[in-house]
């Protein structure tokens, strides 16, 4: 997390001054769109900003790169993308030119044509993304527009079914922007359709299937 004052605002990055030190942060297209209102400069006109940051440095590229997001959810999805073969941090960041929910839904429905339209994603990368992430993105596909994710508290040690329900409810409401009553109904309907669910991933997948129906 970086909190500071915006000193420069360039086409695809900003300089954020934190404690007297300027940090250059690359912004994916979705982050740029979310920060249109931000102003840069000196004095009172400069915006204060808090970003969730991914830090990337390798032996071959020792100069660190900072990639900024406005929510934990966007960063979490980005971190899923970079697990895919041939999709590095900068490729993944530039590819995020549409809301995370839309990209995740395209992956879930195996829509390679949609993925190929994203910057830097060719046919082979689209195939790799679908193959490796199709079963892992249902949660992100359920996100509501404009949601700023909040941390989800640890689930109390209750019964397995109750703990699963509580965890899913917290994610749906606090991270994905659903109304509490709507979240409860989505969970109840999913478990009624598929009582054998035992993991959060299975539950989100079933909720997403229900939303598509």
C-alpha atoms as a PDB file:
ATOM      1  CA  UNK A   1       0.000   0.000   0.000  1.00  0.00           C
ATOM      2  CA  UNK A   2       1.295   3.465  -0.920  1.00  0.00           C
ATOM      3  CA  UNK A   3      -0.306   6.662   0.371  1.00  0.00           C
ATOM      4  CA  UNK A   4       0.848  10.087  -0.710  1.00  0.00           C
ATOM      5  CA  UNK A   5       0.418  13.133  -2.926  1.00  0.00           C
ATOM      6  CA  UNK A   6       0.289  12.947  -6.723  1.00  0.00           C
ATOM      7  CA  UNK A   7       3.176  15.008  -8.091  1.00  0.00           C
ATOM      8  CA  UNK A   8       3.121  13.899 -11.751  1.00  0.00           C
ATOM      9  CA  UNK A   9       0.422  12.288 -13.856  1.00  0.00           C
ATOM     10  CA  UNK A  10       1.649  10.810 -17.133  1.00  0.00           C
ATOM     11  CA  UNK A  11      -0.090   8.735 -19.801  1.00  0.00           C
ATOM     12  CA  UNK A  12       0.345   5.358 -18.098  1.00  0.00           C
ATOM     13  CA  UNK A  13       1.897   6.174 -14.708  1.00  0.00           C
ATOM     14  CA  UNK A  14       2.024   8.622 -11.852  1.00  0.00           C
ATOM     15  CA  UNK A  15       4.649   9.846  -9.421  1.00  0.00           C
ATOM     16  CA  UNK A  16       3.378   9.533  -5.864  1.00  0.00           C
ATOM     17  CA  UNK A  17       5.265  11.384  -3.129  1.00  0.00           C
ATOM     18  CA  UNK A  18       5.250   9.422   0.122  1.00  0.00           C
ATOM     19  CA  UNK A  19       7.195  10.795   3.083  1.00  0.00           C
ATOM     20  CA  UNK A  20       9.287  13.031   0.851  1.00  0.00           C
ATOM     21  CA  UNK A  21      10.205  10.241  -1.584  1.00  0.00           C
ATOM     22  CA  UNK A  22       8.756  10.081  -5.110  1.00  0.00           C
ATOM     23  CA  UNK A  23       7.614   6.662  -6.353  1.00  0.00           C
ATOM     24  CA  UNK A  24       6.873   6.050 -10.026  1.00  0.00           C
ATOM     25  CA  UNK A  25       3.847   3.747 -10.228  1.00  0.00           C
ATOM     26  CA  UNK A  26       2.651   2.144 -13.477  1.00  0.00           C
ATOM     27  CA  UNK A  27      -1.142   2.165 -13.821  1.00  0.00           C
ATOM     28  CA  UNK A  28      -3.148  -0.452 -15.734  1.00  0.00           C
ATOM     29  CA  UNK A  29      -5.899   1.010 -17.973  1.00  0.00           C
ATOM     30  CA  UNK A  30      -8.622   0.136 -15.434  1.00  0.00           C
ATOM     31  CA  UNK A  31      -6.764   2.097 -12.744  1.00  0.00           C
ATOM     32  CA  UNK A  32      -6.245   5.081 -15.057  1.00  0.00           C
ATOM     33  CA  UNK A  33      -9.995   5.160 -15.741  1.00  0.00           C
ATOM     34  CA  UNK A  34     -10.738   5.080 -12.010  1.00  0.00           C
ATOM     35  CA  UNK A  35      -8.355   7.985 -11.342  1.00  0.00           C
ATOM     36  CA  UNK A  36      -9.563  10.450 -13.979  1.00  0.00           C
ATOM     37  CA  UNK A  37     -10.479  12.920 -11.227  1.00  0.00           C
ATOM     38  CA  UNK A  38      -6.973  12.926  -9.750  1.00  0.00           C
ATOM     39  CA  UNK A  39      -4.858  16.055 -10.235  1.00  0.00           C
ATOM     40  CA  UNK A  40      -1.092  16.356  -9.987  1.00  0.00           C
ATOM     41  CA  UNK A  41       1.206  19.209  -9.039  1.00  0.00           C
ATOM     42  CA  UNK A  42       2.513  21.158  -6.086  1.00  0.00           C
ATOM     43  CA  UNK A  43       0.605  22.759  -3.265  1.00  0.00           C
ATOM     44  CA  UNK A  44      -3.039  22.284  -2.327  1.00  0.00           C
ATOM     45  CA  UNK A  45      -4.201  21.405  -5.837  1.00  0.00           C
ATOM     46  CA  UNK A  46      -2.412  18.053  -5.862  1.00  0.00           C
ATOM     47  CA  UNK A  47      -4.600  15.069  -4.995  1.00  0.00           C
ATOM     48  CA  UNK A  48      -3.871  12.724  -2.123  1.00  0.00           C
ATOM     49  CA  UNK A  49      -4.080   9.101  -3.153  1.00  0.00           C
ATOM     50  CA  UNK A  50      -3.830   5.605  -1.703  1.00  0.00           C
ATOM     51  CA  UNK A  51      -2.928   2.722  -4.011  1.00  0.00           C
ATOM     52  CA  UNK A  52      -2.640  -1.015  -3.555  1.00  0.00           C
ATOM     53  CA  UNK A  53       0.744  -1.780  -5.114  1.00  0.00           C
ATOM     54  CA  UNK A  54       2.342  -4.846  -6.682  1.00  0.00           C
ATOM     55  CA  UNK A  55       6.158  -4.789  -6.436  1.00  0.00           C
ATOM     56  CA  UNK A  56       8.043  -6.510  -9.250  1.00  0.00           C
ATOM     57  CA  UNK A  57      11.789  -7.005  -9.580  1.00  0.00           C
ATOM     58  CA  UNK A  58      13.854  -9.869 -10.967  1.00  0.00           C
ATOM     59  CA  UNK A  59      17.537 -10.704 -11.305  1.00  0.00           C
ATOM     60  CA  UNK A  60      17.343  -9.863 -15.024  1.00  0.00           C
ATOM     61  CA  UNK A  61      15.410  -6.658 -14.326  1.00  0.00           C
ATOM     62  CA  UNK A  62      16.737  -5.417 -10.965  1.00  0.00           C
ATOM     63  CA  UNK A  63      15.106  -1.991 -11.204  1.00  0.00           C
ATOM     64  CA  UNK A  64      11.815  -2.488  -9.346  1.00  0.00           C
ATOM     65  CA  UNK A  65       8.521  -1.799 -11.073  1.00  0.00           C
ATOM     66  CA  UNK A  66       5.502  -0.713  -9.030  1.00  0.00           C
ATOM     67  CA  UNK A  67       2.056  -1.454 -10.465  1.00  0.00           C
ATOM     68  CA  UNK A  68      -0.863   0.339  -8.807  1.00  0.00           C
ATOM     69  CA  UNK A  69      -4.494  -0.600  -8.245  1.00  0.00           C
ATOM     70  CA  UNK A  70      -7.391   1.081  -6.461  1.00  0.00           C
ATOM     71  CA  UNK A  71      -8.641  -2.114  -4.790  1.00  0.00           C
ATOM     72  CA  UNK A  72      -7.343  -5.356  -3.335  1.00  0.00           C
ATOM     73  CA  UNK A  73      -9.714  -7.235  -5.634  1.00  0.00           C
ATOM     74  CA  UNK A  74      -8.141  -5.801  -8.816  1.00  0.00           C
ATOM     75  CA  UNK A  75      -4.666  -6.639  -7.522  1.00  0.00           C
ATOM     76  CA  UNK A  76      -5.758 -10.172  -6.581  1.00  0.00           C
ATOM     77  CA  UNK A  77      -7.094 -10.769 -10.093  1.00  0.00           C
ATOM     78  CA  UNK A  78      -3.876  -9.373 -11.595  1.00  0.00           C
ATOM     79  CA  UNK A  79      -1.912 -11.831  -9.444  1.00  0.00           C
ATOM     80  CA  UNK A  80      -4.008 -14.666 -10.894  1.00  0.00           C
ATOM     81  CA  UNK A  81      -3.196 -13.483 -14.422  1.00  0.00           C
ATOM     82  CA  UNK A  82       0.562 -13.482 -13.882  1.00  0.00           C
ATOM     83  CA  UNK A  83       0.490 -17.163 -12.902  1.00  0.00           C
ATOM     84  CA  UNK A  84      -0.356 -17.948 -16.538  1.00  0.00           C
ATOM     85  CA  UNK A  85       2.450 -19.074 -18.823  1.00  0.00           C
ATOM     86  CA  UNK A  86       3.962 -16.194 -20.846  1.00  0.00           C
ATOM     87  CA  UNK A  87       1.896 -13.547 -19.048  1.00  0.00           C
ATOM     88  CA  UNK A  88       4.328 -11.379 -17.096  1.00  0.00           C
ATOM     89  CA  UNK A  89       3.438  -8.457 -14.815  1.00  0.00           C
ATOM     90  CA  UNK A  90       3.604  -5.737 -17.493  1.00  0.00           C
ATOM     91  CA  UNK A  91       1.656  -7.826 -20.021  1.00  0.00           C
ATOM     92  CA  UNK A  92      -1.018  -8.557 -17.409  1.00  0.00           C
ATOM     93  CA  UNK A  93      -1.192  -4.916 -16.304  1.00  0.00           C
ATOM     94  CA  UNK A  94      -1.610  -3.566 -19.848  1.00  0.00           C
ATOM     95  CA  UNK A  95      -4.231  -6.241 -20.588  1.00  0.00           C
ATOM     96  CA  UNK A  96      -6.497  -4.947 -17.831  1.00  0.00           C
ATOM     97  CA  UNK A  97      -8.309  -2.571 -20.149  1.00  0.00           C
ATOM     98  CA  UNK A  98     -11.798  -3.679 -19.072  1.00  0.00           C
ATOM     99  CA  UNK A  99     -13.375  -4.155 -15.640  1.00  0.00           C
ATOM    100  CA  UNK A 100     -12.114  -7.215 -13.794  1.00  0.00           C
ATOM    101  CA  UNK A 101     -15.634  -8.703 -13.662  1.00  0.00           C
ATOM    102  CA  UNK A 102     -15.899  -8.572 -17.471  1.00  0.00           C
ATOM    103  CA  UNK A 103     -12.492 -10.148 -18.069  1.00  0.00           C
ATOM    104  CA  UNK A 104     -13.149 -12.836 -15.464  1.00  0.00           C
ATOM    105  CA  UNK A 105     -16.541 -13.649 -16.983  1.00  0.00           C
ATOM    106  CA  UNK A 106     -14.918 -14.009 -20.419  1.00  0.00           C
ATOM    107  CA  UNK A 107     -12.371 -16.435 -18.970  1.00  0.00           C
ATOM    108  CA  UNK A 108     -15.101 -18.420 -17.207  1.00  0.00           C
ATOM    109  CA  UNK A 109     -17.093 -18.816 -20.442  1.00  0.00           C
ATOM    110  CA  UNK A 110     -13.903 -19.630 -22.426  1.00  0.00           C
ATOM    111  CA  UNK A 111     -14.341 -16.585 -24.659  1.00  0.00           C
ATOM    112  CA  UNK A 112     -10.923 -16.464 -26.314  1.00  0.00           C
ATOM    113  CA  UNK A 113     -12.139 -13.938 -28.901  1.00  0.00           C
ATOM    114  CA  UNK A 114     -12.873 -11.423 -26.126  1.00  0.00           C
ATOM    115  CA  UNK A 115      -9.485 -12.034 -24.520  1.00  0.00           C
ATOM    116  CA  UNK A 116      -7.626 -11.582 -27.829  1.00  0.00           C
ATOM    117  CA  UNK A 117      -9.106  -8.080 -28.045  1.00  0.00           C
ATOM    118  CA  UNK A 118      -7.294  -7.065 -24.856  1.00  0.00           C
ATOM    119  CA  UNK A 119      -3.967  -5.230 -25.346  1.00  0.00           C
ATOM    120  CA  UNK A 120      -1.039  -7.628 -25.701  1.00  0.00           C
ATOM    121  CA  UNK A 121      -3.107 -10.823 -25.559  1.00  0.00           C
ATOM    122  CA  UNK A 122      -2.660 -12.901 -28.706  1.00  0.00           C
ATOM    123  CA  UNK A 123      -4.222 -16.288 -29.575  1.00  0.00           C
ATOM    124  CA  UNK A 124      -1.768 -18.407 -27.586  1.00  0.00           C
ATOM    125  CA  UNK A 125      -1.927 -16.243 -24.462  1.00  0.00           C
ATOM    126  CA  UNK A 126      -5.736 -16.297 -24.655  1.00  0.00           C
ATOM    127  CA  UNK A 127      -5.673 -20.107 -24.809  1.00  0.00           C
ATOM    128  CA  UNK A 128      -3.268 -20.278 -21.870  1.00  0.00           C
ATOM    129  CA  UNK A 129      -5.386 -17.913 -19.777  1.00  0.00           C
ATOM    130  CA  UNK A 130      -8.549 -19.943 -20.352  1.00  0.00           C
ATOM    131  CA  UNK A 131      -6.789 -23.258 -19.742  1.00  0.00           C
ATOM    132  CA  UNK A 132      -5.175 -22.175 -16.489  1.00  0.00           C
ATOM    133  CA  UNK A 133      -7.777 -19.829 -14.976  1.00  0.00           C
ATOM    134  CA  UNK A 134     -11.202 -20.956 -16.156  1.00  0.00           C
ATOM    135  CA  UNK A 135     -11.947 -22.731 -12.857  1.00  0.00           C
ATOM    136  CA  UNK A 136     -10.429 -19.987 -10.676  1.00  0.00           C
ATOM    137  CA  UNK A 137     -12.198 -16.757 -11.622  1.00  0.00           C
ATOM    138  CA  UNK A 138     -15.878 -17.192 -10.713  1.00  0.00           C
ATOM    139  CA  UNK A 139     -15.474 -14.970  -7.638  1.00  0.00           C
ATOM    140  CA  UNK A 140     -14.123 -12.086  -9.729  1.00  0.00           C
ATOM    141  CA  UNK A 141     -16.867 -12.473 -12.341  1.00  0.00           C
ATOM    142  CA  UNK A 142     -19.414 -11.711  -9.601  1.00  0.00           C
ATOM    143  CA  UNK A 143     -17.885  -8.314  -8.727  1.00  0.00           C
ATOM    144  CA  UNK A 144     -20.130  -5.267  -8.916  1.00  0.00           C
ATOM    145  CA  UNK A 145     -18.862  -2.158 -10.804  1.00  0.00           C
ATOM    146  CA  UNK A 146     -17.059   0.481  -8.781  1.00  0.00           C
ATOM    147  CA  UNK A 147     -16.515  -1.700  -5.736  1.00  0.00           C
ATOM    148  CA  UNK A 148     -13.658  -0.848  -3.385  1.00  0.00           C
ATOM    149  CA  UNK A 149     -12.749  -4.087  -1.658  1.00  0.00           C
ATOM    150  CA  UNK A 150     -12.468  -4.329   2.100  1.00  0.00           C
ATOM    151  CA  UNK A 151     -10.449  -6.971   3.943  1.00  0.00           C
ATOM    152  CA  UNK A 152     -12.391 -10.071   4.854  1.00  0.00           C
ATOM    153  CA  UNK A 153     -12.087 -11.128   8.476  1.00  0.00           C
ATOM    154  CA  UNK A 154     -11.063 -14.646   9.390  1.00  0.00           C
ATOM    155  CA  UNK A 155     -14.021 -16.997   9.614  1.00  0.00           C
ATOM    156  CA  UNK A 156     -14.812 -18.164  13.158  1.00  0.00           C
ATOM    157  CA  UNK A 157     -14.312 -21.846  13.875  1.00  0.00           C
ATOM    158  CA  UNK A 158     -17.941 -22.831  13.464  1.00  0.00           C
ATOM    159  CA  UNK A 159     -19.323 -25.849  11.612  1.00  0.00           C
ATOM    160  CA  UNK A 160     -17.918 -26.404   8.126  1.00  0.00           C
ATOM    161  CA  UNK A 161     -21.153 -25.462   6.335  1.00  0.00           C
ATOM    162  CA  UNK A 162     -21.709 -22.346   8.482  1.00  0.00           C
ATOM    163  CA  UNK A 163     -18.082 -21.279   8.038  1.00  0.00           C
ATOM    164  CA  UNK A 164     -18.344 -21.676   4.267  1.00  0.00           C
ATOM    165  CA  UNK A 165     -21.543 -19.623   4.170  1.00  0.00           C
ATOM    166  CA  UNK A 166     -20.037 -16.878   6.334  1.00  0.00           C
ATOM    167  CA  UNK A 167     -16.845 -16.627   4.300  1.00  0.00           C
ATOM    168  CA  UNK A 168     -18.775 -16.481   1.017  1.00  0.00           C
ATOM    169  CA  UNK A 169     -21.178 -13.870   2.432  1.00  0.00           C
ATOM    170  CA  UNK A 170     -18.294 -11.655   3.587  1.00  0.00           C
ATOM    171  CA  UNK A 171     -16.622 -11.844   0.168  1.00  0.00           C
ATOM    172  CA  UNK A 172     -19.865 -11.181  -1.747  1.00  0.00           C
ATOM    173  CA  UNK A 173     -20.762  -8.162   0.382  1.00  0.00           C
ATOM    174  CA  UNK A 174     -17.416  -6.603   1.348  1.00  0.00           C
ATOM    175  CA  UNK A 175     -15.311  -7.406  -1.726  1.00  0.00           C
ATOM    176  CA  UNK A 176     -17.790  -7.860  -4.547  1.00  0.00           C
ATOM    177  CA  UNK A 177     -20.397  -5.214  -3.696  1.00  0.00           C
ATOM    178  CA  UNK A 178     -23.578  -7.281  -3.307  1.00  0.00           C
ATOM    179  CA  UNK A 179     -26.345  -6.259  -0.904  1.00  0.00           C
ATOM    180  CA  UNK A 180     -26.426  -8.407   2.260  1.00  0.00           C
ATOM    181  CA  UNK A 181     -29.860  -9.864   1.504  1.00  0.00           C
ATOM    182  CA  UNK A 182     -28.852 -10.566  -2.101  1.00  0.00           C
ATOM    183  CA  UNK A 183     -25.664 -12.318  -0.969  1.00  0.00           C
ATOM    184  CA  UNK A 184     -27.584 -14.543   1.453  1.00  0.00           C
ATOM    185  CA  UNK A 185     -30.041 -15.526  -1.269  1.00  0.00           C
ATOM    186  CA  UNK A 186     -27.289 -16.282  -3.792  1.00  0.00           C
ATOM    187  CA  UNK A 187     -25.575 -18.587  -1.296  1.00  0.00           C
ATOM    188  CA  UNK A 188     -28.814 -20.345  -0.292  1.00  0.00           C
ATOM    189  CA  UNK A 189     -29.803 -20.925  -3.927  1.00  0.00           C
ATOM    190  CA  UNK A 190     -26.341 -22.259  -4.841  1.00  0.00           C
ATOM    191  CA  UNK A 191     -26.279 -24.703  -1.935  1.00  0.00           C
ATOM    192  CA  UNK A 192     -29.814 -25.848  -2.737  1.00  0.00           C
ATOM    193  CA  UNK A 193     -28.794 -26.591  -6.336  1.00  0.00           C
ATOM    194  CA  UNK A 194     -25.583 -28.324  -5.277  1.00  0.00           C
ATOM    195  CA  UNK A 195     -25.592 -29.540  -1.647  1.00  0.00           C
ATOM    196  CA  UNK A 196     -22.246 -31.353  -2.076  1.00  0.00           C
ATOM    197  CA  UNK A 197     -20.243 -28.086  -2.176  1.00  0.00           C
ATOM    198  CA  UNK A 198     -17.360 -28.112   0.330  1.00  0.00           C
ATOM    199  CA  UNK A 199     -15.003 -25.288  -0.762  1.00  0.00           C
ATOM    200  CA  UNK A 200     -15.386 -21.517  -1.385  1.00  0.00           C
ATOM    201  CA  UNK A 201     -14.202 -22.011  -4.982  1.00  0.00           C
ATOM    202  CA  UNK A 202     -16.989 -24.523  -5.680  1.00  0.00           C
ATOM    203  CA  UNK A 203     -19.550 -22.237  -4.044  1.00  0.00           C
ATOM    204  CA  UNK A 204     -18.547 -19.152  -6.057  1.00  0.00           C
ATOM    205  CA  UNK A 205     -18.537 -21.232  -9.225  1.00  0.00           C
ATOM    206  CA  UNK A 206     -22.090 -22.418  -8.535  1.00  0.00           C
ATOM    207  CA  UNK A 207     -23.247 -18.876  -7.670  1.00  0.00           C
ATOM    208  CA  UNK A 208     -21.766 -17.628 -10.960  1.00  0.00           C
ATOM    209  CA  UNK A 209     -23.500 -20.435 -12.900  1.00  0.00           C
ATOM    210  CA  UNK A 210     -26.772 -19.420 -11.278  1.00  0.00           C
ATOM    211  CA  UNK A 211     -26.238 -15.761 -12.204  1.00  0.00           C
ATOM    212  CA  UNK A 212     -25.706 -16.743 -15.853  1.00  0.00           C
ATOM    213  CA  UNK A 213     -28.820 -18.921 -16.008  1.00  0.00           C
END
